[in-house]
Amino acid sequence: MNPKISDLKPDADGVTRLSGGNPQIAKGYGDEVVQNYIAALTGWQQREAKIIDSLITAAVPNVLKAVKWNSPMYAVTEHHYFTSFYAMKNYLKVGFFNGGQLVPAPPEPSKNPDVRYLHVTEAGFDHAQFSAWIKAAAQLPGEKM
C-alpha cells in the first residue's frame, strides 16, 4: 500500500521525497522556488536538472518559472506552460505539453497525443536537440495550469 503524502517523512537531509525520489516542494513562482526544487534533488538528477534549467533559461529569455504539483514548470505567458520535468527513480521525465507538434518529436509518447516526453538518465542527453525543442515549444501555445 502506498503511503499518503501526509504520511511521508523527511529524509535525513530534511527533504520529503515522493515515490521515485521526486522532492515534495511547495507550490511557488519564480526562479528561487525552481532552484529550491533542484537543490532538493541528489546526485546525477541534480546535475542533469541544473543543465535542463540552464538550457531552458538560455533558450527562452525572460522565461517564467514555477513549481506546481512538485514539478518545475516553464512558461512564456503567465500560467501557460510549455514544459516541465519530474524526478523518477531512473530518469528525469521532461514533458513537452505540445510536443506532438515538434519536429522531430521528443521520443517518448503519452496517452495524450499532443504530449511527448524526453527521459533524461544519468548518461545525459543531447543538449543541442533539447535546446531546439525548447525554442520551438516556447513558440507554441502553452497549457493553462
N, C-alpha and C. Protein backbone atom coordinates (compact mmCIF):
# COMPACT_ATOMS: atom_id res chain seq x y z
N MET A 1 0.84 -1.18 0.00
CA MET A 1 0.00 0.00 0.00
C MET A 1 0.88 1.24 0.00
N ASN A 2 0.60 2.18 -0.86
CA ASN A 2 1.37 3.42 -0.94
C ASN A 2 0.96 4.36 0.18
N PRO A 3 1.94 5.01 0.81
CA PRO A 3 1.59 5.97 1.86
C PRO A 3 0.95 7.21 1.26
N LYS A 4 0.09 7.84 2.06
CA LYS A 4 -0.47 9.13 1.65
C LYS A 4 0.63 10.17 1.78
N ILE A 5 0.52 11.24 1.00
CA ILE A 5 1.52 12.30 1.06
C ILE A 5 1.66 12.81 2.49
N SER A 6 0.53 12.91 3.22
CA SER A 6 0.59 13.41 4.60
C SER A 6 1.35 12.46 5.52
N ASP A 7 1.51 11.18 5.12
CA ASP A 7 2.24 10.21 5.93
C ASP A 7 3.73 10.19 5.65
N LEU A 8 4.18 10.86 4.60
CA LEU A 8 5.60 10.86 4.25
C LEU A 8 6.41 11.66 5.25
N LYS A 9 7.62 11.19 5.50
CA LYS A 9 8.52 11.86 6.45
C LYS A 9 9.76 12.34 5.71
N PRO A 10 10.36 13.43 6.20
CA PRO A 10 11.59 13.92 5.57
C PRO A 10 12.73 12.91 5.67
N ASP A 11 13.57 12.89 4.65
CA ASP A 11 14.79 12.09 4.67
C ASP A 11 15.78 12.73 5.64
N ALA A 12 16.95 12.12 5.79
CA ALA A 12 17.98 12.64 6.70
C ALA A 12 18.39 14.07 6.33
N ASP A 13 18.28 14.44 5.05
CA ASP A 13 18.65 15.79 4.62
C ASP A 13 17.53 16.81 4.82
N GLY A 14 16.39 16.35 5.40
CA GLY A 14 15.28 17.26 5.68
C GLY A 14 14.29 17.41 4.54
N VAL A 15 14.54 16.73 3.42
CA VAL A 15 13.66 16.84 2.25
C VAL A 15 12.71 15.64 2.23
N THR A 16 11.43 15.92 2.06
CA THR A 16 10.45 14.85 1.88
C THR A 16 10.43 14.50 0.39
N ARG A 17 10.58 13.22 0.11
CA ARG A 17 10.58 12.77 -1.28
C ARG A 17 9.40 11.85 -1.52
N LEU A 18 8.78 12.03 -2.67
CA LEU A 18 7.67 11.20 -3.08
C LEU A 18 8.20 9.92 -3.72
N SER A 19 7.32 9.05 -4.15
CA SER A 19 7.77 7.81 -4.78
C SER A 19 8.68 8.12 -5.95
N GLY A 20 9.72 7.35 -6.10
CA GLY A 20 10.69 7.58 -7.17
C GLY A 20 11.73 8.62 -6.84
N GLY A 21 11.61 9.28 -5.68
CA GLY A 21 12.62 10.25 -5.27
C GLY A 21 12.32 11.69 -5.60
N ASN A 22 11.16 11.98 -6.20
CA ASN A 22 10.83 13.37 -6.53
C ASN A 22 10.62 14.16 -5.23
N PRO A 23 11.30 15.31 -5.08
CA PRO A 23 11.14 16.09 -3.85
C PRO A 23 9.77 16.74 -3.76
N GLN A 24 9.23 16.77 -2.55
CA GLN A 24 7.97 17.45 -2.30
C GLN A 24 8.29 18.91 -2.01
N ILE A 25 7.94 19.78 -2.94
CA ILE A 25 8.24 21.21 -2.83
C ILE A 25 6.94 21.98 -2.91
N ALA A 26 6.77 22.95 -2.03
CA ALA A 26 5.54 23.75 -2.03
C ALA A 26 5.40 24.52 -3.33
N LYS A 27 4.15 24.68 -3.75
CA LYS A 27 3.84 25.46 -4.94
C LYS A 27 4.39 26.87 -4.78
N GLY A 28 4.97 27.38 -5.86
CA GLY A 28 5.51 28.74 -5.82
C GLY A 28 5.90 29.20 -7.20
N TYR A 29 6.23 30.48 -7.30
CA TYR A 29 6.54 31.10 -8.59
C TYR A 29 7.90 31.77 -8.53
N GLY A 30 8.63 31.69 -9.65
CA GLY A 30 9.91 32.36 -9.77
C GLY A 30 11.08 31.40 -9.77
N ASP A 31 12.24 31.95 -10.09
CA ASP A 31 13.45 31.14 -10.19
C ASP A 31 13.83 30.52 -8.84
N GLU A 32 13.64 31.25 -7.75
CA GLU A 32 14.07 30.75 -6.45
C GLU A 32 13.41 29.41 -6.09
N VAL A 33 12.13 29.29 -6.32
CA VAL A 33 11.44 28.05 -5.98
C VAL A 33 11.90 26.89 -6.87
N VAL A 34 12.20 27.18 -8.14
CA VAL A 34 12.74 26.14 -9.03
C VAL A 34 14.13 25.73 -8.56
N GLN A 35 14.95 26.69 -8.16
CA GLN A 35 16.28 26.36 -7.66
C GLN A 35 16.19 25.55 -6.37
N ASN A 36 15.18 25.81 -5.53
CA ASN A 36 14.97 25.01 -4.32
C ASN A 36 14.63 23.57 -4.68
N TYR A 37 13.81 23.39 -5.70
CA TYR A 37 13.48 22.05 -6.17
C TYR A 37 14.75 21.33 -6.63
N ILE A 38 15.53 22.00 -7.47
CA ILE A 38 16.76 21.39 -7.99
C ILE A 38 17.72 21.05 -6.86
N ALA A 39 17.85 21.94 -5.88
CA ALA A 39 18.74 21.70 -4.74
C ALA A 39 18.29 20.50 -3.92
N ALA A 40 16.99 20.19 -3.95
CA ALA A 40 16.47 19.06 -3.19
C ALA A 40 16.71 17.72 -3.89
N LEU A 41 17.09 17.75 -5.15
CA LEU A 41 17.47 16.53 -5.86
C LEU A 41 18.86 16.10 -5.40
N THR A 42 19.23 14.88 -5.70
CA THR A 42 20.55 14.39 -5.30
C THR A 42 21.30 13.84 -6.51
N GLY A 43 22.62 13.77 -6.38
CA GLY A 43 23.48 13.10 -7.36
C GLY A 43 23.27 13.54 -8.79
N TRP A 44 23.24 12.55 -9.68
CA TRP A 44 23.14 12.83 -11.10
C TRP A 44 21.84 13.56 -11.45
N GLN A 45 20.75 13.32 -10.71
CA GLN A 45 19.49 14.01 -11.01
C GLN A 45 19.64 15.51 -10.80
N GLN A 46 20.33 15.90 -9.74
CA GLN A 46 20.56 17.32 -9.51
C GLN A 46 21.43 17.91 -10.62
N ARG A 47 22.48 17.19 -10.99
CA ARG A 47 23.36 17.67 -12.06
C ARG A 47 22.58 17.87 -13.36
N GLU A 48 21.81 16.88 -13.76
CA GLU A 48 21.06 16.98 -15.02
C GLU A 48 19.94 18.02 -14.94
N ALA A 49 19.31 18.17 -13.78
CA ALA A 49 18.26 19.18 -13.62
C ALA A 49 18.85 20.59 -13.75
N LYS A 50 20.04 20.80 -13.22
CA LYS A 50 20.71 22.10 -13.39
C LYS A 50 20.95 22.39 -14.87
N ILE A 51 21.35 21.38 -15.61
CA ILE A 51 21.59 21.55 -17.05
C ILE A 51 20.27 21.85 -17.76
N ILE A 52 19.24 21.09 -17.46
CA ILE A 52 17.92 21.33 -18.07
C ILE A 52 17.48 22.76 -17.83
N ASP A 53 17.55 23.21 -16.57
CA ASP A 53 17.12 24.56 -16.22
C ASP A 53 17.96 25.62 -16.93
N SER A 54 19.27 25.41 -16.99
CA SER A 54 20.13 26.42 -17.63
C SER A 54 19.90 26.47 -19.14
N LEU A 55 19.65 25.32 -19.77
CA LEU A 55 19.37 25.32 -21.21
C LEU A 55 18.04 26.00 -21.52
N ILE A 56 17.04 25.77 -20.68
CA ILE A 56 15.75 26.44 -20.88
C ILE A 56 15.91 27.95 -20.71
N THR A 57 16.62 28.35 -19.66
CA THR A 57 16.83 29.78 -19.39
C THR A 57 17.60 30.44 -20.53
N ALA A 58 18.58 29.75 -21.10
CA ALA A 58 19.35 30.31 -22.21
C ALA A 58 18.53 30.38 -23.50
N ALA A 59 17.68 29.39 -23.72
CA ALA A 59 16.91 29.32 -24.97
C ALA A 59 15.72 30.27 -24.99
N VAL A 60 15.18 30.58 -23.81
CA VAL A 60 13.97 31.40 -23.73
C VAL A 60 14.22 32.57 -22.78
N PRO A 61 14.69 33.69 -23.31
CA PRO A 61 14.91 34.85 -22.46
C PRO A 61 13.61 35.24 -21.73
N ASN A 62 13.72 35.62 -20.50
CA ASN A 62 12.58 36.03 -19.67
C ASN A 62 11.57 34.91 -19.43
N VAL A 63 12.03 33.66 -19.47
CA VAL A 63 11.13 32.54 -19.19
C VAL A 63 10.56 32.70 -17.78
N LEU A 64 9.30 32.34 -17.63
CA LEU A 64 8.64 32.37 -16.33
C LEU A 64 8.74 30.98 -15.73
N LYS A 65 9.06 30.92 -14.44
CA LYS A 65 9.26 29.64 -13.78
C LYS A 65 8.31 29.50 -12.60
N ALA A 66 7.96 28.25 -12.32
CA ALA A 66 7.11 27.93 -11.18
C ALA A 66 7.36 26.49 -10.78
N VAL A 67 6.92 26.14 -9.58
CA VAL A 67 6.82 24.75 -9.17
C VAL A 67 5.36 24.51 -8.83
N LYS A 68 4.76 23.58 -9.55
CA LYS A 68 3.38 23.16 -9.30
C LYS A 68 3.37 21.64 -9.34
N TRP A 69 2.58 21.03 -8.48
CA TRP A 69 2.49 19.57 -8.43
C TRP A 69 3.87 18.94 -8.32
N ASN A 70 4.73 19.57 -7.51
CA ASN A 70 6.08 19.07 -7.25
C ASN A 70 6.92 18.94 -8.52
N SER A 71 6.69 19.82 -9.48
CA SER A 71 7.43 19.81 -10.75
C SER A 71 7.78 21.23 -11.17
N PRO A 72 9.03 21.48 -11.56
CA PRO A 72 9.36 22.77 -12.15
C PRO A 72 8.62 22.91 -13.48
N MET A 73 8.07 24.09 -13.70
CA MET A 73 7.30 24.36 -14.92
C MET A 73 7.80 25.66 -15.52
N TYR A 74 7.73 25.75 -16.86
CA TYR A 74 8.29 26.89 -17.58
C TYR A 74 7.25 27.43 -18.56
N ALA A 75 7.15 28.77 -18.60
CA ALA A 75 6.14 29.44 -19.43
C ALA A 75 6.72 30.67 -20.09
N VAL A 76 6.09 31.09 -21.18
CA VAL A 76 6.39 32.36 -21.81
C VAL A 76 5.33 33.37 -21.37
N THR A 77 4.09 32.90 -21.27
CA THR A 77 2.97 33.71 -20.82
C THR A 77 2.51 33.16 -19.47
N GLU A 78 2.21 34.03 -18.54
CA GLU A 78 1.85 33.61 -17.18
C GLU A 78 0.79 32.51 -17.18
N HIS A 79 1.08 31.44 -16.47
CA HIS A 79 0.20 30.29 -16.27
C HIS A 79 -0.08 29.47 -17.53
N HIS A 80 0.69 29.67 -18.59
CA HIS A 80 0.57 28.88 -19.83
C HIS A 80 1.92 28.21 -20.07
N TYR A 81 2.06 26.98 -19.61
CA TYR A 81 3.35 26.29 -19.54
C TYR A 81 3.61 25.45 -20.79
N PHE A 82 4.87 25.48 -21.24
CA PHE A 82 5.24 24.68 -22.41
C PHE A 82 6.07 23.46 -22.06
N THR A 83 6.69 23.43 -20.88
CA THR A 83 7.46 22.25 -20.48
C THR A 83 7.55 22.18 -18.96
N SER A 84 7.85 20.99 -18.47
CA SER A 84 8.10 20.76 -17.05
C SER A 84 8.92 19.48 -16.93
N PHE A 85 9.38 19.21 -15.72
CA PHE A 85 10.03 17.91 -15.51
C PHE A 85 9.76 17.40 -14.11
N TYR A 86 9.99 16.10 -13.94
CA TYR A 86 9.65 15.39 -12.71
C TYR A 86 10.70 14.30 -12.51
N ALA A 87 11.13 14.11 -11.28
CA ALA A 87 12.15 13.09 -10.99
C ALA A 87 11.51 11.73 -10.77
N MET A 88 11.92 10.77 -11.56
CA MET A 88 11.55 9.38 -11.39
C MET A 88 12.80 8.67 -10.85
N LYS A 89 12.68 7.42 -10.47
CA LYS A 89 13.82 6.72 -9.88
C LYS A 89 15.02 6.67 -10.83
N ASN A 90 14.80 6.35 -12.10
CA ASN A 90 15.91 6.13 -13.04
C ASN A 90 16.07 7.19 -14.10
N TYR A 91 15.22 8.22 -14.08
CA TYR A 91 15.33 9.28 -15.08
C TYR A 91 14.56 10.51 -14.64
N LEU A 92 14.86 11.62 -15.28
CA LEU A 92 14.06 12.83 -15.16
C LEU A 92 13.12 12.83 -16.36
N LYS A 93 11.85 12.98 -16.10
CA LYS A 93 10.83 12.94 -17.15
C LYS A 93 10.49 14.37 -17.55
N VAL A 94 11.00 14.79 -18.72
CA VAL A 94 10.76 16.14 -19.23
C VAL A 94 9.54 16.07 -20.14
N GLY A 95 8.51 16.83 -19.79
CA GLY A 95 7.29 16.84 -20.58
C GLY A 95 7.20 18.07 -21.47
N PHE A 96 6.81 17.83 -22.71
CA PHE A 96 6.53 18.91 -23.66
C PHE A 96 5.03 18.86 -23.93
N PHE A 97 4.29 19.86 -23.43
CA PHE A 97 2.84 19.79 -23.46
C PHE A 97 2.26 19.81 -24.86
N ASN A 98 2.95 20.39 -25.82
CA ASN A 98 2.56 20.33 -27.23
C ASN A 98 3.65 19.67 -28.05
N GLY A 99 4.30 18.68 -27.45
CA GLY A 99 5.43 18.00 -28.07
C GLY A 99 5.09 17.24 -29.34
N GLY A 100 3.83 16.89 -29.53
CA GLY A 100 3.43 16.22 -30.75
C GLY A 100 3.58 17.10 -31.98
N GLN A 101 3.70 18.41 -31.77
CA GLN A 101 3.87 19.35 -32.88
C GLN A 101 5.34 19.63 -33.18
N LEU A 102 6.24 19.12 -32.35
CA LEU A 102 7.67 19.36 -32.56
C LEU A 102 8.22 18.38 -33.59
N VAL A 103 9.17 18.86 -34.41
CA VAL A 103 9.78 18.02 -35.45
C VAL A 103 11.29 18.06 -35.28
N PRO A 104 11.93 16.92 -35.01
CA PRO A 104 11.30 15.66 -34.68
C PRO A 104 10.65 15.74 -33.30
N ALA A 105 9.68 14.89 -33.06
CA ALA A 105 9.01 14.88 -31.75
C ALA A 105 9.93 14.26 -30.71
N PRO A 106 9.86 14.72 -29.46
CA PRO A 106 10.59 14.03 -28.39
C PRO A 106 10.21 12.54 -28.39
N PRO A 107 11.12 11.67 -27.99
CA PRO A 107 10.98 10.24 -28.26
C PRO A 107 9.89 9.49 -27.50
N GLU A 108 9.52 9.95 -26.32
CA GLU A 108 8.60 9.15 -25.50
C GLU A 108 7.15 9.61 -25.67
N PRO A 109 6.24 8.68 -25.99
CA PRO A 109 4.83 9.05 -26.17
C PRO A 109 4.10 9.22 -24.85
N SER A 110 2.89 9.73 -24.96
CA SER A 110 1.99 9.89 -23.83
C SER A 110 0.63 9.32 -24.24
N LYS A 111 -0.24 9.13 -23.29
CA LYS A 111 -1.62 8.74 -23.61
C LYS A 111 -2.28 9.86 -24.42
N ASN A 112 -1.87 11.10 -24.15
CA ASN A 112 -2.36 12.26 -24.89
C ASN A 112 -1.44 12.46 -26.09
N PRO A 113 -1.94 12.40 -27.32
CA PRO A 113 -1.06 12.50 -28.49
C PRO A 113 -0.35 13.85 -28.62
N ASP A 114 -0.85 14.88 -27.96
CA ASP A 114 -0.19 16.19 -28.02
C ASP A 114 1.06 16.24 -27.15
N VAL A 115 1.11 15.41 -26.12
CA VAL A 115 2.20 15.45 -25.14
C VAL A 115 3.27 14.44 -25.52
N ARG A 116 4.52 14.87 -25.42
CA ARG A 116 5.66 13.98 -25.65
C ARG A 116 6.66 14.19 -24.51
N TYR A 117 7.50 13.18 -24.30
CA TYR A 117 8.46 13.22 -23.20
C TYR A 117 9.88 12.92 -23.67
N LEU A 118 10.81 13.42 -22.90
CA LEU A 118 12.22 13.06 -23.01
C LEU A 118 12.62 12.50 -21.65
N HIS A 119 13.18 11.30 -21.63
CA HIS A 119 13.68 10.72 -20.39
C HIS A 119 15.17 10.99 -20.31
N VAL A 120 15.57 11.79 -19.34
CA VAL A 120 16.97 12.13 -19.13
C VAL A 120 17.53 11.20 -18.06
N THR A 121 18.54 10.43 -18.42
CA THR A 121 19.15 9.48 -17.49
C THR A 121 20.51 10.01 -17.02
N GLU A 122 21.15 9.21 -16.20
CA GLU A 122 22.48 9.55 -15.70
C GLU A 122 23.47 9.74 -16.85
N ALA A 123 23.23 9.10 -17.98
CA ALA A 123 24.12 9.21 -19.14
C ALA A 123 24.03 10.57 -19.82
N GLY A 124 23.02 11.38 -19.47
CA GLY A 124 22.88 12.70 -20.07
C GLY A 124 21.95 12.68 -21.26
N PHE A 125 22.02 13.75 -22.07
CA PHE A 125 21.11 13.90 -23.20
C PHE A 125 21.72 14.85 -24.21
N ASP A 126 21.12 14.92 -25.38
CA ASP A 126 21.59 15.76 -26.48
C ASP A 126 21.17 17.21 -26.20
N HIS A 127 22.11 18.02 -25.77
CA HIS A 127 21.80 19.41 -25.39
C HIS A 127 21.33 20.24 -26.57
N ALA A 128 21.92 20.04 -27.74
CA ALA A 128 21.53 20.82 -28.92
C ALA A 128 20.09 20.50 -29.33
N GLN A 129 19.74 19.22 -29.36
CA GLN A 129 18.36 18.84 -29.72
C GLN A 129 17.38 19.35 -28.67
N PHE A 130 17.75 19.22 -27.40
CA PHE A 130 16.88 19.70 -26.32
C PHE A 130 16.63 21.20 -26.46
N SER A 131 17.68 21.97 -26.70
CA SER A 131 17.53 23.42 -26.86
C SER A 131 16.64 23.76 -28.05
N ALA A 132 16.77 23.00 -29.14
CA ALA A 132 15.90 23.22 -30.31
C ALA A 132 14.44 22.94 -29.96
N TRP A 133 14.19 21.86 -29.22
CA TRP A 133 12.82 21.56 -28.80
C TRP A 133 12.28 22.67 -27.90
N ILE A 134 13.11 23.15 -26.98
CA ILE A 134 12.66 24.20 -26.06
C ILE A 134 12.31 25.47 -26.83
N LYS A 135 13.17 25.87 -27.74
CA LYS A 135 12.88 27.08 -28.53
C LYS A 135 11.59 26.93 -29.32
N ALA A 136 11.39 25.77 -29.93
CA ALA A 136 10.17 25.54 -30.71
C ALA A 136 8.94 25.44 -29.81
N ALA A 137 9.07 24.73 -28.69
CA ALA A 137 7.93 24.57 -27.77
C ALA A 137 7.48 25.91 -27.19
N ALA A 138 8.44 26.80 -26.95
CA ALA A 138 8.11 28.11 -26.39
C ALA A 138 7.31 28.97 -27.37
N GLN A 139 7.38 28.63 -28.66
CA GLN A 139 6.63 29.37 -29.68
C GLN A 139 5.18 28.88 -29.81
N LEU A 140 4.91 27.69 -29.28
CA LEU A 140 3.56 27.12 -29.35
C LEU A 140 2.72 27.61 -28.18
N PRO A 141 1.39 27.54 -28.31
CA PRO A 141 0.55 27.93 -27.17
C PRO A 141 0.86 27.03 -25.97
N GLY A 142 0.98 27.61 -24.81
CA GLY A 142 1.22 26.83 -23.61
C GLY A 142 -0.06 26.25 -23.05
N GLU A 143 0.08 25.29 -22.15
CA GLU A 143 -1.06 24.71 -21.47
C GLU A 143 -1.39 25.55 -20.24
N LYS A 144 -2.64 25.98 -20.14
CA LYS A 144 -3.05 26.78 -18.99
C LYS A 144 -3.19 25.88 -17.77
N MET A 145 -2.43 26.21 -16.73
CA MET A 145 -2.45 25.43 -15.49
C MET A 145 -2.38 26.36 -14.31
